[in-house]
Amino acid sequence: IPARTWAVFPCKGAVSHSIADCWKQIMAFFKTSNYRFLRELDMEVYPDGDTDSEEYYCEIWVAVTEK
């Protein structure tokens, strides 16, 4: 994994809907932030647990650079 600056976005809830909801929030974030999404690398981090639970927590990491 190359060295980058990463923006980490938390996702809470069943994976079946939380990941899509989180990506929508990520795209909205970039419209108003001082960062640009590099679109070269992202990671979805899924810890052990019940991915169908509304209490499940995972993260999306996206490579960014300042505008």
C-alpha atoms as a PDB file:
ATOM      1  CA  ILE A   1       0.000   0.000   0.000  1.00  0.00           C
ATOM      2  CA  PRO A   2       1.604   3.285  -1.036  1.00  0.00           C
ATOM      3  CA  ALA A   3       2.139   6.084   1.465  1.00  0.00           C
ATOM      4  CA  ARG A   4      -0.794   8.486   1.217  1.00  0.00           C
ATOM      5  CA  THR A   5      -2.905  10.806   3.303  1.00  0.00           C
ATOM      6  CA  TRP A   6      -6.090   8.955   4.161  1.00  0.00           C
ATOM      7  CA  ALA A   7      -9.544  10.192   5.065  1.00  0.00           C
ATOM      8  CA  VAL A   8     -11.286   7.591   7.219  1.00  0.00           C
ATOM      9  CA  PHE A   9     -15.066   7.424   7.235  1.00  0.00           C
ATOM     10  CA  PRO A  10     -16.959   5.364   9.820  1.00  0.00           C
ATOM     11  CA  CYS A  11     -19.898   3.216   8.745  1.00  0.00           C
ATOM     12  CA  LYS A  12     -22.355   1.902  11.307  1.00  0.00           C
ATOM     13  CA  GLY A  13     -25.140  -0.538  10.601  1.00  0.00           C
ATOM     14  CA  ALA A  14     -25.786  -3.595   8.492  1.00  0.00           C
ATOM     15  CA  VAL A  15     -23.301  -3.710   5.626  1.00  0.00           C
ATOM     16  CA  SER A  16     -26.138  -4.253   3.134  1.00  0.00           C
ATOM     17  CA  HIS A  17     -27.042  -0.564   3.418  1.00  0.00           C
ATOM     18  CA  SER A  18     -24.376   1.190   5.502  1.00  0.00           C
ATOM     19  CA  ILE A  19     -21.623   0.994   2.870  1.00  0.00           C
ATOM     20  CA  ALA A  20     -23.772   2.608   0.158  1.00  0.00           C
ATOM     21  CA  ASP A  21     -24.946   5.283   2.608  1.00  0.00           C
ATOM     22  CA  CYS A  22     -21.368   5.963   3.666  1.00  0.00           C
ATOM     23  CA  TRP A  23     -20.183   6.363   0.044  1.00  0.00           C
ATOM     24  CA  LYS A  24     -22.932   8.948  -0.506  1.00  0.00           C
ATOM     25  CA  GLN A  25     -21.681  10.854   2.548  1.00  0.00           C
ATOM     26  CA  ILE A  26     -18.093  10.595   1.308  1.00  0.00           C
ATOM     27  CA  MET A  27     -18.963  12.097  -2.077  1.00  0.00           C
ATOM     28  CA  ALA A  28     -20.882  14.924  -0.361  1.00  0.00           C
ATOM     29  CA  PHE A  29     -17.890  15.569   1.929  1.00  0.00           C
ATOM     30  CA  PHE A  30     -15.578  16.209  -1.013  1.00  0.00           C
ATOM     31  CA  LYS A  31     -17.899  18.862  -2.471  1.00  0.00           C
ATOM     32  CA  THR A  32     -17.246  21.166   0.504  1.00  0.00           C
ATOM     33  CA  SER A  33     -13.920  20.042   1.971  1.00  0.00           C
ATOM     34  CA  ASN A  34     -10.380  21.207   1.307  1.00  0.00           C
ATOM     35  CA  TYR A  35      -9.493  17.722   0.091  1.00  0.00           C
ATOM     36  CA  ARG A  36      -9.686  15.969  -3.237  1.00  0.00           C
ATOM     37  CA  PHE A  37     -10.400  12.247  -3.591  1.00  0.00           C
ATOM     38  CA  LEU A  38      -7.473  10.740  -5.522  1.00  0.00           C
ATOM     39  CA  ARG A  39      -9.651   7.930  -6.951  1.00  0.00           C
ATOM     40  CA  GLU A  40      -6.607   5.708  -7.167  1.00  0.00           C
ATOM     41  CA  LEU A  41      -7.050   3.676  -4.040  1.00  0.00           C
ATOM     42  CA  ASP A  42      -9.623   3.083  -1.354  1.00  0.00           C
ATOM     43  CA  MET A  43     -10.083   0.413   1.277  1.00  0.00           C
ATOM     44  CA  GLU A  44     -13.133  -0.930   3.045  1.00  0.00           C
ATOM     45  CA  VAL A  45     -12.199  -2.344   6.456  1.00  0.00           C
ATOM     46  CA  TYR A  46     -14.509  -5.043   7.835  1.00  0.00           C
ATOM     47  CA  PRO A  47     -13.684  -6.205  11.370  1.00  0.00           C
ATOM     48  CA  ASP A  48     -15.018  -9.483  12.713  1.00  0.00           C
ATOM     49  CA  GLY A  49     -18.633  -9.302  13.793  1.00  0.00           C
ATOM     50  CA  ASP A  50     -22.208  -9.659  12.644  1.00  0.00           C
ATOM     51  CA  THR A  51     -22.302  -7.689   9.388  1.00  0.00           C
ATOM     52  CA  ASP A  52     -26.132  -7.808   9.461  1.00  0.00           C
ATOM     53  CA  SER A  53     -26.329  -6.053  12.837  1.00  0.00           C
ATOM     54  CA  GLU A  54     -27.355  -2.398  13.055  1.00  0.00           C
ATOM     55  CA  GLU A  55     -24.529  -2.058  15.615  1.00  0.00           C
ATOM     56  CA  TYR A  56     -21.827  -3.328  13.219  1.00  0.00           C
ATOM     57  CA  TYR A  57     -18.966  -0.865  12.670  1.00  0.00           C
ATOM     58  CA  CYS A  58     -16.637  -0.735   9.677  1.00  0.00           C
ATOM     59  CA  GLU A  59     -14.630   1.955   7.889  1.00  0.00           C
ATOM     60  CA  ILE A  60     -13.929   3.247   4.414  1.00  0.00           C
ATOM     61  CA  TRP A  61     -10.460   4.707   3.859  1.00  0.00           C
ATOM     62  CA  VAL A  62      -9.870   6.888   0.788  1.00  0.00           C
ATOM     63  CA  ALA A  63      -6.616   8.404  -0.423  1.00  0.00           C
ATOM     64  CA  VAL A  64      -6.794  12.203  -0.498  1.00  0.00           C
ATOM     65  CA  THR A  65      -4.748  15.272  -1.277  1.00  0.00           C
ATOM     66  CA  GLU A  66      -5.300  18.900  -0.352  1.00  0.00           C
ATOM     67  CA  LYS A  67      -6.895  21.069  -3.043  1.00  0.00           C
END
